[in-house]
Amino acid sequence: MKTEGMICTGTEQCRSVLAMWTEKRSAEQVCRELGVTRKTLQQWEERAMDGMLRSLQPREGREEERGPALAPKVKRLLERRAMEQEGRLPRLTKRLASVGSEPESSAKGG
């Protein structure tokens, strides 16, 4: 049994919540053994449930939480390079690239 004012570790909190959820111990038993209030135990349960739900979401859905892996400019450059390699560049971009590589005499029309 813990004495008043002692802090429970995350492992102890997990074990306590799991013991209640698997009906190995009652909430009253856990509170008595760890010296915590029922309200504290309920908070642990809520955090445990939130953590499980968050960890079981598909990773794609969680990307917004972490922020983009690449800066927007880098992402655009990578997408453009991939399109170039696949031969899917828009016609205007291809034309601008070809104009830049034409000899000066043909570019001026003469």
C-alpha atoms as a PDB file:
ATOM      1  CA  MET A   1       0.000   0.000   0.000  1.00  0.00           C
ATOM      2  CA  LYS A   2       1.217   3.461  -0.859  1.00  0.00           C
ATOM      3  CA  THR A   3       1.375   6.125   1.778  1.00  0.00           C
ATOM      4  CA  GLU A   4      -0.425   9.428   1.465  1.00  0.00           C
ATOM      5  CA  GLY A   5       1.165  11.819  -1.020  1.00  0.00           C
ATOM      6  CA  MET A   6       3.203   9.224  -2.950  1.00  0.00           C
ATOM      7  CA  ILE A   7       3.022   9.529  -6.723  1.00  0.00           C
ATOM      8  CA  CYS A   8       2.066   6.461  -8.755  1.00  0.00           C
ATOM      9  CA  THR A   9       4.140   5.642 -11.807  1.00  0.00           C
ATOM     10  CA  GLY A  10       2.605   5.246 -15.238  1.00  0.00           C
ATOM     11  CA  THR A  11       3.116   1.503 -14.977  1.00  0.00           C
ATOM     12  CA  GLU A  12       1.209   1.369 -11.696  1.00  0.00           C
ATOM     13  CA  GLN A  13      -1.581   3.424 -13.203  1.00  0.00           C
ATOM     14  CA  CYS A  14      -1.796   1.098 -16.240  1.00  0.00           C
ATOM     15  CA  ARG A  15      -1.828  -2.026 -14.094  1.00  0.00           C
ATOM     16  CA  SER A  16      -4.493  -0.572 -11.842  1.00  0.00           C
ATOM     17  CA  VAL A  17      -6.784   0.399 -14.717  1.00  0.00           C
ATOM     18  CA  LEU A  18      -6.289  -2.962 -16.422  1.00  0.00           C
ATOM     19  CA  ALA A  19      -6.972  -4.814 -13.157  1.00  0.00           C
ATOM     20  CA  MET A  20     -10.299  -2.989 -12.892  1.00  0.00           C
ATOM     21  CA  TRP A  21     -11.192  -3.500 -16.553  1.00  0.00           C
ATOM     22  CA  THR A  22     -10.479  -7.235 -16.296  1.00  0.00           C
ATOM     23  CA  GLU A  23     -12.401  -7.343 -13.005  1.00  0.00           C
ATOM     24  CA  LYS A  24      -9.434  -8.675 -11.048  1.00  0.00           C
ATOM     25  CA  ARG A  25      -9.837  -5.856  -8.524  1.00  0.00           C
ATOM     26  CA  SER A  26     -12.586  -3.401  -7.744  1.00  0.00           C
ATOM     27  CA  ALA A  27     -12.178   0.357  -7.903  1.00  0.00           C
ATOM     28  CA  GLU A  28     -12.412   0.470  -4.129  1.00  0.00           C
ATOM     29  CA  GLN A  29      -9.577  -2.036  -3.766  1.00  0.00           C
ATOM     30  CA  VAL A  30      -7.347  -0.100  -6.162  1.00  0.00           C
ATOM     31  CA  CYS A  31      -8.046   3.203  -4.426  1.00  0.00           C
ATOM     32  CA  ARG A  32      -7.297   1.691  -1.030  1.00  0.00           C
ATOM     33  CA  GLU A  33      -4.087  -0.043  -2.182  1.00  0.00           C
ATOM     34  CA  LEU A  34      -2.685   3.024  -3.927  1.00  0.00           C
ATOM     35  CA  GLY A  35      -4.071   5.664  -1.614  1.00  0.00           C
ATOM     36  CA  VAL A  36      -5.840   7.564  -4.377  1.00  0.00           C
ATOM     37  CA  THR A  37      -9.345   8.941  -4.668  1.00  0.00           C
ATOM     38  CA  ARG A  38     -12.031   7.528  -6.908  1.00  0.00           C
ATOM     39  CA  LYS A  39     -11.865  10.727  -8.967  1.00  0.00           C
ATOM     40  CA  THR A  40      -8.137  10.198  -9.605  1.00  0.00           C
ATOM     41  CA  LEU A  41      -8.802   6.629 -10.656  1.00  0.00           C
ATOM     42  CA  GLN A  42     -11.530   7.787 -13.054  1.00  0.00           C
ATOM     43  CA  GLN A  43      -9.071  10.267 -14.592  1.00  0.00           C
ATOM     44  CA  TRP A  44      -6.594   7.432 -15.170  1.00  0.00           C
ATOM     45  CA  GLU A  45      -9.316   5.400 -16.848  1.00  0.00           C
ATOM     46  CA  GLU A  46     -10.271   8.301 -19.128  1.00  0.00           C
ATOM     47  CA  ARG A  47      -6.641   8.936 -20.108  1.00  0.00           C
ATOM     48  CA  ALA A  48      -6.105   5.222 -20.753  1.00  0.00           C
ATOM     49  CA  MET A  49      -9.169   5.064 -22.999  1.00  0.00           C
ATOM     50  CA  ASP A  50      -8.151   8.235 -24.860  1.00  0.00           C
ATOM     51  CA  GLY A  51      -4.659   6.849 -25.391  1.00  0.00           C
ATOM     52  CA  MET A  52      -5.978   3.556 -26.733  1.00  0.00           C
ATOM     53  CA  LEU A  53      -8.348   5.261 -29.134  1.00  0.00           C
ATOM     54  CA  ARG A  54      -5.639   7.643 -30.361  1.00  0.00           C
ATOM     55  CA  SER A  55      -3.108   4.850 -30.852  1.00  0.00           C
ATOM     56  CA  LEU A  56      -5.571   2.718 -32.818  1.00  0.00           C
ATOM     57  CA  GLN A  57      -6.454   5.414 -35.351  1.00  0.00           C
ATOM     58  CA  PRO A  58      -4.923   4.992 -38.810  1.00  0.00           C
ATOM     59  CA  ARG A  59      -1.640   6.867 -39.059  1.00  0.00           C
ATOM     60  CA  GLU A  60      -2.871   8.908 -42.032  1.00  0.00           C
ATOM     61  CA  GLY A  61      -5.584  10.401 -39.849  1.00  0.00           C
ATOM     62  CA  ARG A  62      -3.038  11.446 -37.255  1.00  0.00           C
ATOM     63  CA  GLU A  63      -0.714  13.304 -39.643  1.00  0.00           C
ATOM     64  CA  GLU A  64      -2.468  16.600 -38.904  1.00  0.00           C
ATOM     65  CA  GLU A  65      -1.667  16.206 -35.201  1.00  0.00           C
ATOM     66  CA  ARG A  66       2.071  15.972 -35.856  1.00  0.00           C
ATOM     67  CA  GLY A  67       2.127  18.517 -38.629  1.00  0.00           C
ATOM     68  CA  PRO A  68       3.391  17.944 -42.141  1.00  0.00           C
ATOM     69  CA  ALA A  69       6.516  15.836 -42.480  1.00  0.00           C
ATOM     70  CA  LEU A  70       7.852  18.174 -45.171  1.00  0.00           C
ATOM     71  CA  ALA A  71       7.682  21.904 -45.642  1.00  0.00           C
ATOM     72  CA  PRO A  72       5.025  22.812 -48.260  1.00  0.00           C
ATOM     73  CA  LYS A  73       7.667  24.099 -50.687  1.00  0.00           C
ATOM     74  CA  VAL A  74       9.691  20.879 -50.486  1.00  0.00           C
ATOM     75  CA  LYS A  75       6.540  18.815 -50.906  1.00  0.00           C
ATOM     76  CA  ARG A  76       5.609  20.747 -54.078  1.00  0.00           C
ATOM     77  CA  LEU A  77       9.108  20.316 -55.494  1.00  0.00           C
ATOM     78  CA  LEU A  78       9.020  16.576 -54.834  1.00  0.00           C
ATOM     79  CA  GLU A  79       5.596  16.243 -56.437  1.00  0.00           C
ATOM     80  CA  ARG A  80       6.772  18.180 -59.481  1.00  0.00           C
ATOM     81  CA  ARG A  81       9.880  16.019 -59.836  1.00  0.00           C
ATOM     82  CA  ALA A  82       7.753  12.879 -59.612  1.00  0.00           C
ATOM     83  CA  MET A  83       5.464  14.218 -62.341  1.00  0.00           C
ATOM     84  CA  GLU A  84       8.487  15.003 -64.520  1.00  0.00           C
ATOM     85  CA  GLN A  85       9.787  11.478 -64.123  1.00  0.00           C
ATOM     86  CA  GLU A  86       6.384  10.036 -65.000  1.00  0.00           C
ATOM     87  CA  GLY A  87       6.094  12.325 -68.038  1.00  0.00           C
ATOM     88  CA  ARG A  88       2.970  13.993 -66.678  1.00  0.00           C
ATOM     89  CA  LEU A  89       4.083  17.619 -66.555  1.00  0.00           C
ATOM     90  CA  PRO A  90       1.459  20.110 -67.709  1.00  0.00           C
ATOM     91  CA  ARG A  91       1.861  21.313 -71.301  1.00  0.00           C
ATOM     92  CA  LEU A  92       2.643  24.894 -70.289  1.00  0.00           C
ATOM     93  CA  THR A  93       5.502  23.789 -68.027  1.00  0.00           C
ATOM     94  CA  LYS A  94       6.923  21.594 -70.806  1.00  0.00           C
ATOM     95  CA  ARG A  95       6.621  24.453 -73.318  1.00  0.00           C
ATOM     96  CA  LEU A  96       8.347  26.919 -70.978  1.00  0.00           C
ATOM     97  CA  ALA A  97      11.161  24.447 -70.460  1.00  0.00           C
ATOM     98  CA  SER A  98      11.560  23.940 -74.191  1.00  0.00           C
ATOM     99  CA  VAL A  99      11.528  27.711 -74.886  1.00  0.00           C
ATOM    100  CA  GLY A 100      14.353  28.160 -72.420  1.00  0.00           C
ATOM    101  CA  SER A 101      16.440  25.516 -74.186  1.00  0.00           C
ATOM    102  CA  GLU A 102      15.827  26.677 -77.813  1.00  0.00           C
ATOM    103  CA  PRO A 103      18.648  28.496 -79.635  1.00  0.00           C
ATOM    104  CA  GLU A 104      18.316  32.298 -79.561  1.00  0.00           C
ATOM    105  CA  SER A 105      17.793  32.638 -83.323  1.00  0.00           C
ATOM    106  CA  SER A 106      14.716  30.386 -83.345  1.00  0.00           C
ATOM    107  CA  ALA A 107      13.355  31.929 -80.151  1.00  0.00           C
ATOM    108  CA  LYS A 108      13.491  35.410 -81.690  1.00  0.00           C
ATOM    109  CA  GLY A 109      11.788  34.158 -84.819  1.00  0.00           C
ATOM    110  CA  GLY A 110      14.711  34.836 -87.107  1.00  0.00           C
END
